All heavy atoms as atom14 arrays in JSON, in Angstrom:
{
  "sequence": "KEEIAKLGPGAMIGEIALVAHKLRTATVVS",
  "atom14_mask": [
    [1, 1, 1, 1, 1, 1, 1, 1, 1, 0, 0, 0, 0, 0],
    [1, 1, 1, 1, 1, 1, 1, 1, 1, 0, 0, 0, 0, 0],
    [1, 1, 1, 1, 1, 1, 1, 1, 1, 0, 0, 0, 0, 0],
    [1, 1, 1, 1, 1, 1, 1, 1, 0, 0, 0, 0, 0, 0],
    [1, 1, 1, 1, 1, 0, 0, 0, 0, 0, 0, 0, 0, 0],
    [1, 1, 1, 1, 1, 1, 1, 1, 1, 0, 0, 0, 0, 0],
    [1, 1, 1, 1, 1, 1, 1, 1, 0, 0, 0, 0, 0, 0],
    [1, 1, 1, 1, 0, 0, 0, 0, 0, 0, 0, 0, 0, 0],
    [1, 1, 1, 1, 1, 1, 1, 0, 0, 0, 0, 0, 0, 0],
    [1, 1, 1, 1, 0, 0, 0, 0, 0, 0, 0, 0, 0, 0],
    [1, 1, 1, 1, 1, 0, 0, 0, 0, 0, 0, 0, 0, 0],
    [1, 1, 1, 1, 1, 1, 1, 1, 0, 0, 0, 0, 0, 0],
    [1, 1, 1, 1, 1, 1, 1, 1, 0, 0, 0, 0, 0, 0],
    [1, 1, 1, 1, 0, 0, 0, 0, 0, 0, 0, 0, 0, 0],
    [1, 1, 1, 1, 1, 1, 1, 1, 1, 0, 0, 0, 0, 0],
    [1, 1, 1, 1, 1, 1, 1, 1, 0, 0, 0, 0, 0, 0],
    [1, 1, 1, 1, 1, 0, 0, 0, 0, 0, 0, 0, 0, 0],
    [1, 1, 1, 1, 1, 1, 1, 1, 0, 0, 0, 0, 0, 0],
    [1, 1, 1, 1, 1, 1, 1, 0, 0, 0, 0, 0, 0, 0],
    [1, 1, 1, 1, 1, 0, 0, 0, 0, 0, 0, 0, 0, 0],
    [1, 1, 1, 1, 1, 1, 1, 1, 1, 1, 0, 0, 0, 0],
    [1, 1, 1, 1, 1, 1, 1, 1, 1, 0, 0, 0, 0, 0],
    [1, 1, 1, 1, 1, 1, 1, 1, 0, 0, 0, 0, 0, 0],
    [1, 1, 1, 1, 1, 1, 1, 1, 1, 1, 1, 0, 0, 0],
    [1, 1, 1, 1, 1, 1, 1, 0, 0, 0, 0, 0, 0, 0],
    [1, 1, 1, 1, 1, 0, 0, 0, 0, 0, 0, 0, 0, 0],
    [1, 1, 1, 1, 1, 1, 1, 0, 0, 0, 0, 0, 0, 0],
    [1, 1, 1, 1, 1, 1, 1, 0, 0, 0, 0, 0, 0, 0],
    [1, 1, 1, 1, 1, 1, 1, 0, 0, 0, 0, 0, 0, 0],
    [1, 1, 1, 1, 1, 1, 0, 0, 0, 0, 0, 0, 0, 0]
  ],
  "atom14_positions": [
    [[13.72, 105.2, 166.0], [14.03, 104.1, 166.93], [12.79, 103.28, 167.28], [12.88, 102.3, 168.0], [14.68, 104.65, 168.19], [16.04, 105.27, 167.92], [16.7, 105.69, 169.21], [17.95, 106.48, 168.95], [19.13, 105.71, 168.75], [0.0, 0.0, 0.0], [0.0, 0.0, 0.0], [0.0, 0.0, 0.0], [0.0, 0.0, 0.0], [0.0, 0.0, 0.0]],
    [[11.62, 103.7, 166.77], [10.37, 103.04, 167.12], [10.0, 101.94, 166.12], [10.02, 102.15, 164.91], [9.24, 104.08, 167.13], [7.89, 103.5, 167.45], [6.77, 104.53, 167.32], [7.04, 105.72, 167.1], [5.61, 104.11, 167.43], [0.0, 0.0, 0.0], [0.0, 0.0, 0.0], [0.0, 0.0, 0.0], [0.0, 0.0, 0.0], [0.0, 0.0, 0.0]],
    [[9.68, 100.77, 166.67], [9.2, 99.68, 165.82], [7.75, 99.98, 165.44], [6.91, 100.2, 166.31], [9.29, 98.35, 166.54], [8.79, 97.2, 165.67], [8.97, 95.85, 166.33], [8.07, 95.47, 167.13], [9.99, 95.2, 166.08], [0.0, 0.0, 0.0], [0.0, 0.0, 0.0], [0.0, 0.0, 0.0], [0.0, 0.0, 0.0], [0.0, 0.0, 0.0]],
    [[7.48, 99.99, 164.13], [6.12, 100.29, 163.68], [5.4, 99.06, 163.14], [4.19, 99.09, 162.96], [6.12, 101.42, 162.63], [7.0, 101.07, 161.43], [6.55, 102.75, 163.25], [6.92, 102.06, 160.28], [0.0, 0.0, 0.0], [0.0, 0.0, 0.0], [0.0, 0.0, 0.0], [0.0, 0.0, 0.0], [0.0, 0.0, 0.0], [0.0, 0.0, 0.0]],
    [[6.15, 97.98, 162.89], [5.51, 96.76, 162.4], [6.48, 95.59, 162.48], [7.69, 95.78, 162.51], [5.05, 96.94, 160.97], [0.0, 0.0, 0.0], [0.0, 0.0, 0.0], [0.0, 0.0, 0.0], [0.0, 0.0, 0.0], [0.0, 0.0, 0.0], [0.0, 0.0, 0.0], [0.0, 0.0, 0.0], [0.0, 0.0, 0.0], [0.0, 0.0, 0.0]],
    [[5.89, 94.41, 162.52], [6.64, 93.17, 162.32], [5.97, 92.48, 161.13], [4.74, 92.42, 161.06], [6.6, 92.28, 163.55], [7.57, 92.73, 164.61], [7.86, 91.64, 165.6], [8.93, 92.16, 166.56], [9.15, 91.26, 167.66], [0.0, 0.0, 0.0], [0.0, 0.0, 0.0], [0.0, 0.0, 0.0], [0.0, 0.0, 0.0], [0.0, 0.0, 0.0]],
    [[6.79, 92.01, 160.2], [6.26, 91.37, 159.0], [6.88, 90.0, 158.83], [8.02, 89.77, 159.24], [6.57, 92.23, 157.77], [6.03, 93.65, 157.78], [6.57, 94.43, 156.59], [4.52, 93.65, 157.79], [0.0, 0.0, 0.0], [0.0, 0.0, 0.0], [0.0, 0.0, 0.0], [0.0, 0.0, 0.0], [0.0, 0.0, 0.0], [0.0, 0.0, 0.0]],
    [[6.11, 89.09, 158.22], [6.58, 87.73, 158.03], [6.33, 87.23, 156.63], [6.18, 88.03, 155.69], [0.0, 0.0, 0.0], [0.0, 0.0, 0.0], [0.0, 0.0, 0.0], [0.0, 0.0, 0.0], [0.0, 0.0, 0.0], [0.0, 0.0, 0.0], [0.0, 0.0, 0.0], [0.0, 0.0, 0.0], [0.0, 0.0, 0.0], [0.0, 0.0, 0.0]],
    [[6.24, 85.92, 156.47], [6.09, 85.32, 155.14], [4.93, 85.92, 154.35], [3.85, 86.15, 154.87], [5.83, 83.84, 155.47], [6.52, 83.62, 156.77], [6.29, 84.91, 157.53], [0.0, 0.0, 0.0], [0.0, 0.0, 0.0], [0.0, 0.0, 0.0], [0.0, 0.0, 0.0], [0.0, 0.0, 0.0], [0.0, 0.0, 0.0], [0.0, 0.0, 0.0]],
    [[5.24, 86.2, 153.08], [4.25, 86.8, 152.19], [4.37, 88.3, 152.09], [3.82, 88.9, 151.17], [0.0, 0.0, 0.0], [0.0, 0.0, 0.0], [0.0, 0.0, 0.0], [0.0, 0.0, 0.0], [0.0, 0.0, 0.0], [0.0, 0.0, 0.0], [0.0, 0.0, 0.0], [0.0, 0.0, 0.0], [0.0, 0.0, 0.0], [0.0, 0.0, 0.0]],
    [[5.1, 88.92, 153.01], [5.25, 90.38, 152.98], [6.34, 90.77, 151.99], [7.37, 90.12, 151.89], [5.59, 90.91, 154.37], [0.0, 0.0, 0.0], [0.0, 0.0, 0.0], [0.0, 0.0, 0.0], [0.0, 0.0, 0.0], [0.0, 0.0, 0.0], [0.0, 0.0, 0.0], [0.0, 0.0, 0.0], [0.0, 0.0, 0.0], [0.0, 0.0, 0.0]],
    [[6.09, 91.85, 151.29], [7.1, 92.45, 150.42], [7.62, 93.67, 151.16], [6.82, 94.44, 151.7], [6.48, 92.84, 149.08], [7.44, 93.47, 148.11], [8.56, 92.31, 147.32], [7.6, 91.81, 145.92], [0.0, 0.0, 0.0], [0.0, 0.0, 0.0], [0.0, 0.0, 0.0], [0.0, 0.0, 0.0], [0.0, 0.0, 0.0], [0.0, 0.0, 0.0]],
    [[8.93, 93.82, 151.23], [9.5, 94.99, 151.9], [10.39, 95.73, 150.91], [11.04, 95.13, 150.07], [10.3, 94.6, 153.17], [11.33, 93.53, 152.86], [9.36, 94.15, 154.27], [12.24, 93.2, 154.02], [0.0, 0.0, 0.0], [0.0, 0.0, 0.0], [0.0, 0.0, 0.0], [0.0, 0.0, 0.0], [0.0, 0.0, 0.0], [0.0, 0.0, 0.0]],
    [[10.35, 97.05, 151.01], [11.17, 97.88, 150.15], [10.48, 98.34, 148.89], [11.0, 99.17, 148.16], [0.0, 0.0, 0.0], [0.0, 0.0, 0.0], [0.0, 0.0, 0.0], [0.0, 0.0, 0.0], [0.0, 0.0, 0.0], [0.0, 0.0, 0.0], [0.0, 0.0, 0.0], [0.0, 0.0, 0.0], [0.0, 0.0, 0.0], [0.0, 0.0, 0.0]],
    [[9.28, 97.83, 148.64], [8.59, 98.16, 147.4], [7.99, 99.56, 147.43], [7.83, 100.19, 146.39], [7.52, 97.12, 147.08], [6.17, 97.31, 147.72], [6.14, 97.16, 149.24], [7.11, 96.66, 149.83], [5.11, 97.54, 149.82], [0.0, 0.0, 0.0], [0.0, 0.0, 0.0], [0.0, 0.0, 0.0], [0.0, 0.0, 0.0], [0.0, 0.0, 0.0]],
    [[7.66, 100.08, 148.61], [7.02, 101.4, 148.69], [7.93, 102.47, 148.08], [7.49, 103.26, 147.24], [6.64, 101.76, 150.14], [5.51, 100.86, 150.63], [6.24, 103.23, 150.25], [5.14, 101.08, 152.08], [0.0, 0.0, 0.0], [0.0, 0.0, 0.0], [0.0, 0.0, 0.0], [0.0, 0.0, 0.0], [0.0, 0.0, 0.0], [0.0, 0.0, 0.0]],
    [[9.17, 102.5, 148.5], [10.1, 103.51, 147.98], [10.34, 103.32, 146.49], [10.49, 104.29, 145.75], [11.41, 103.46, 148.75], [0.0, 0.0, 0.0], [0.0, 0.0, 0.0], [0.0, 0.0, 0.0], [0.0, 0.0, 0.0], [0.0, 0.0, 0.0], [0.0, 0.0, 0.0], [0.0, 0.0, 0.0], [0.0, 0.0, 0.0], [0.0, 0.0, 0.0]],
    [[10.36, 102.07, 146.03], [10.55, 101.83, 144.6], [9.33, 102.29, 143.8], [9.48, 102.97, 142.78], [10.8, 100.33, 144.34], [12.16, 99.81, 144.76], [12.22, 98.29, 144.57], [13.27, 100.47, 143.98], [0.0, 0.0, 0.0], [0.0, 0.0, 0.0], [0.0, 0.0, 0.0], [0.0, 0.0, 0.0], [0.0, 0.0, 0.0], [0.0, 0.0, 0.0]],
    [[8.14, 101.93, 144.25], [6.92, 102.3, 143.54], [6.73, 103.82, 143.57], [6.36, 104.44, 142.57], [5.69, 101.58, 144.15], [4.39, 102.14, 143.6], [5.79, 100.08, 143.87], [0.0, 0.0, 0.0], [0.0, 0.0, 0.0], [0.0, 0.0, 0.0], [0.0, 0.0, 0.0], [0.0, 0.0, 0.0], [0.0, 0.0, 0.0], [0.0, 0.0, 0.0]],
    [[7.02, 104.45, 144.71], [6.81, 105.89, 144.87], [8.0, 106.73, 144.4], [7.92, 107.95, 144.37], [6.51, 106.21, 146.34], [0.0, 0.0, 0.0], [0.0, 0.0, 0.0], [0.0, 0.0, 0.0], [0.0, 0.0, 0.0], [0.0, 0.0, 0.0], [0.0, 0.0, 0.0], [0.0, 0.0, 0.0], [0.0, 0.0, 0.0], [0.0, 0.0, 0.0]],
    [[9.13, 106.06, 144.07], [10.35, 106.76, 143.65], [10.8, 107.77, 144.71], [11.05, 108.93, 144.42], [10.16, 107.45, 142.3], [9.73, 106.52, 141.22], [10.57, 105.58, 140.66], [8.53, 106.34, 140.62], [9.92, 104.88, 139.76], [8.68, 105.31, 139.71], [0.0, 0.0, 0.0], [0.0, 0.0, 0.0], [0.0, 0.0, 0.0], [0.0, 0.0, 0.0]],
    [[10.86, 107.28, 145.95], [11.26, 108.12, 147.07], [12.33, 107.42, 147.89], [12.63, 106.25, 147.67], [10.05, 108.41, 147.96], [8.96, 109.16, 147.24], [7.91, 109.66, 148.2], [6.85, 110.35, 147.39], [6.64, 111.7, 147.69], [0.0, 0.0, 0.0], [0.0, 0.0, 0.0], [0.0, 0.0, 0.0], [0.0, 0.0, 0.0], [0.0, 0.0, 0.0]],
    [[12.88, 108.15, 148.86], [13.83, 107.53, 149.79], [13.09, 106.55, 150.68], [11.87, 106.64, 150.86], [14.5, 108.61, 150.65], [15.44, 109.58, 149.91], [15.98, 110.62, 150.88], [16.58, 108.85, 149.21], [0.0, 0.0, 0.0], [0.0, 0.0, 0.0], [0.0, 0.0, 0.0], [0.0, 0.0, 0.0], [0.0, 0.0, 0.0], [0.0, 0.0, 0.0]],
    [[13.82, 105.63, 151.27], [13.24, 104.65, 152.2], [12.54, 105.36, 153.34], [13.06, 106.32, 153.9], [14.32, 103.75, 152.78], [15.1, 102.97, 151.75], [14.37, 101.72, 151.44], [15.14, 100.94, 150.47], [14.6, 100.19, 149.55], [13.29, 100.08, 149.48], [15.33, 99.51, 148.71], [0.0, 0.0, 0.0], [0.0, 0.0, 0.0], [0.0, 0.0, 0.0]],
    [[11.37, 104.85, 153.72], [10.61, 105.46, 154.81], [10.87, 104.77, 156.14], [10.39, 105.22, 157.17], [9.1, 105.39, 154.51], [8.72, 104.02, 154.33], [8.75, 106.21, 153.27], [0.0, 0.0, 0.0], [0.0, 0.0, 0.0], [0.0, 0.0, 0.0], [0.0, 0.0, 0.0], [0.0, 0.0, 0.0], [0.0, 0.0, 0.0], [0.0, 0.0, 0.0]],
    [[11.62, 103.66, 156.11], [11.85, 102.91, 157.34], [13.13, 102.08, 157.22], [13.64, 101.85, 156.13], [10.67, 101.97, 157.62], [0.0, 0.0, 0.0], [0.0, 0.0, 0.0], [0.0, 0.0, 0.0], [0.0, 0.0, 0.0], [0.0, 0.0, 0.0], [0.0, 0.0, 0.0], [0.0, 0.0, 0.0], [0.0, 0.0, 0.0], [0.0, 0.0, 0.0]],
    [[13.59, 101.63, 158.38], [14.69, 100.68, 158.47], [14.05, 99.31, 158.69], [13.08, 99.19, 159.44], [15.62, 101.03, 159.64], [16.22, 102.31, 159.36], [16.69, 99.99, 159.87], [0.0, 0.0, 0.0], [0.0, 0.0, 0.0], [0.0, 0.0, 0.0], [0.0, 0.0, 0.0], [0.0, 0.0, 0.0], [0.0, 0.0, 0.0], [0.0, 0.0, 0.0]],
    [[14.59, 98.29, 158.04], [14.07, 96.94, 158.19], [15.21, 96.03, 158.64], [16.25, 95.98, 157.99], [13.45, 96.41, 156.87], [12.95, 94.99, 157.05], [12.33, 97.33, 156.41], [0.0, 0.0, 0.0], [0.0, 0.0, 0.0], [0.0, 0.0, 0.0], [0.0, 0.0, 0.0], [0.0, 0.0, 0.0], [0.0, 0.0, 0.0], [0.0, 0.0, 0.0]],
    [[14.98, 95.35, 159.78], [16.0, 94.49, 160.37], [15.4, 93.1, 160.58], [14.28, 92.97, 161.07], [16.48, 95.07, 161.73], [17.5, 94.17, 162.39], [17.04, 96.48, 161.53], [0.0, 0.0, 0.0], [0.0, 0.0, 0.0], [0.0, 0.0, 0.0], [0.0, 0.0, 0.0], [0.0, 0.0, 0.0], [0.0, 0.0, 0.0], [0.0, 0.0, 0.0]],
    [[16.18, 92.08, 160.26], [15.7, 90.7, 160.48], [15.65, 90.41, 161.97], [16.55, 90.74, 162.72], [16.62, 89.7, 159.77], [17.95, 89.83, 160.22], [0.0, 0.0, 0.0], [0.0, 0.0, 0.0], [0.0, 0.0, 0.0], [0.0, 0.0, 0.0], [0.0, 0.0, 0.0], [0.0, 0.0, 0.0], [0.0, 0.0, 0.0], [0.0, 0.0, 0.0]]
  ]
}
Protein backbone atom coordinates (compact mmCIF):
# COMPACT_ATOMS: atom_id res chain seq x y z
CA LYS A 1 0.00 0.00 0.00
CA GLU A 2 3.09 2.25 0.16
CA GLU A 3 3.98 4.59 -2.68
CA ILE A 4 7.67 4.12 -3.42
CA ALA A 5 8.02 6.42 -6.44
CA LYS A 6 6.33 8.75 -8.88
CA LEU A 7 7.52 8.56 -12.47
CA GLY A 8 6.88 10.76 -15.48
CA PRO A 9 7.89 11.30 -19.10
CA GLY A 10 10.91 9.29 -20.17
CA ALA A 11 10.39 6.56 -17.57
CA MET A 12 10.00 2.96 -18.65
CA ILE A 13 7.76 0.89 -16.38
CA GLY A 14 7.40 -2.86 -16.29
CA GLU A 15 10.79 -3.57 -17.80
CA ILE A 16 12.38 -4.84 -14.57
CA ALA A 17 10.21 -7.95 -14.39
CA LEU A 18 10.69 -8.57 -18.12
CA VAL A 19 14.48 -8.18 -18.01
CA ALA A 20 14.78 -10.22 -14.79
CA HIS A 21 12.14 -12.81 -15.84
CA LYS A 22 10.35 -12.41 -12.52
CA LEU A 23 6.92 -11.48 -11.22
CA ARG A 24 6.06 -7.79 -10.98
CA THR A 25 7.69 -6.10 -7.99
CA ALA A 26 5.17 -3.26 -7.79
CA THR A 27 1.76 -1.98 -8.76
CA VAL A 28 1.71 1.00 -11.12
CA VAL A 29 -1.29 3.33 -11.25
CA SER A 30 -1.78 6.43 -13.40
